[in-house]
Amino acid sequence: MLQLLLTDPVAWGSVLGILIMVIMSAYYIYMFVHNSADDNK
């Protein structure tokens, strides 16, 4: 299973897409929390 994942470009595309979505989501959540904290001061 792991060997197939490491050698399959389609699997790498899926993993990369999911990773990008997670990073973008975390960034937007961080920005939202950061801006909300600044507005409350």
C-alpha atoms as a PDB file:
ATOM      1  CA  MET A   1       0.000   0.000   0.000  1.00  0.00           C
ATOM      2  CA  LEU A   2       2.693   2.485   0.979  1.00  0.00           C
ATOM      3  CA  GLN A   3       4.864   1.436  -1.973  1.00  0.00           C
ATOM      4  CA  LEU A   4       1.935   2.010  -4.347  1.00  0.00           C
ATOM      5  CA  LEU A   5       1.303   5.426  -2.811  1.00  0.00           C
ATOM      6  CA  LEU A   6       4.941   6.454  -3.235  1.00  0.00           C
ATOM      7  CA  THR A   7       5.141   5.374  -6.888  1.00  0.00           C
ATOM      8  CA  ASP A   8       1.685   6.467  -8.150  1.00  0.00           C
ATOM      9  CA  PRO A   9       1.594  10.045  -9.515  1.00  0.00           C
ATOM     10  CA  VAL A  10      -2.215  10.127  -9.252  1.00  0.00           C
ATOM     11  CA  ALA A  11      -1.966   9.386  -5.532  1.00  0.00           C
ATOM     12  CA  TRP A  12       0.677  12.098  -5.160  1.00  0.00           C
ATOM     13  CA  GLY A  13      -1.676  14.562  -6.889  1.00  0.00           C
ATOM     14  CA  SER A  14      -4.460  13.684  -4.466  1.00  0.00           C
ATOM     15  CA  VAL A  15      -2.180  13.974  -1.443  1.00  0.00           C
ATOM     16  CA  LEU A  16      -0.806  17.305  -2.686  1.00  0.00           C
ATOM     17  CA  GLY A  17      -4.314  18.658  -3.307  1.00  0.00           C
ATOM     18  CA  ILE A  18      -5.497  17.622   0.156  1.00  0.00           C
ATOM     19  CA  LEU A  19      -2.368  19.094   1.740  1.00  0.00           C
ATOM     20  CA  ILE A  20      -2.873  22.426  -0.062  1.00  0.00           C
ATOM     21  CA  MET A  21      -6.526  22.539   1.047  1.00  0.00           C
ATOM     22  CA  VAL A  22      -5.558  21.845   4.673  1.00  0.00           C
ATOM     23  CA  ILE A  23      -2.823  24.515   4.631  1.00  0.00           C
ATOM     24  CA  MET A  24      -5.148  27.109   3.069  1.00  0.00           C
ATOM     25  CA  SER A  25      -7.909  26.290   5.565  1.00  0.00           C
ATOM     26  CA  ALA A  26      -5.521  26.602   8.503  1.00  0.00           C
ATOM     27  CA  TYR A  27      -4.213  29.927   7.126  1.00  0.00           C
ATOM     28  CA  TYR A  28      -7.693  31.398   6.695  1.00  0.00           C
ATOM     29  CA  ILE A  29      -8.748  30.206  10.176  1.00  0.00           C
ATOM     30  CA  TYR A  30      -5.603  31.774  11.635  1.00  0.00           C
ATOM     31  CA  MET A  31      -6.242  35.063   9.835  1.00  0.00           C
ATOM     32  CA  PHE A  32      -9.894  35.076  10.939  1.00  0.00           C
ATOM     33  CA  VAL A  33      -8.992  34.448  14.592  1.00  0.00           C
ATOM     34  CA  HIS A  34      -6.155  36.969  14.474  1.00  0.00           C
ATOM     35  CA  ASN A  35      -8.353  39.700  12.952  1.00  0.00           C
ATOM     36  CA  SER A  36     -11.202  38.959  15.366  1.00  0.00           C
ATOM     37  CA  ALA A  37      -8.822  39.247  18.317  1.00  0.00           C
ATOM     38  CA  ASP A  38      -7.567  42.626  17.035  1.00  0.00           C
ATOM     39  CA  ASP A  39     -11.135  43.919  16.581  1.00  0.00           C
ATOM     40  CA  ASN A  40     -12.067  43.061  20.164  1.00  0.00           C
ATOM     41  CA  LYS A  41      -9.275  45.184  21.663  1.00  0.00           C
END
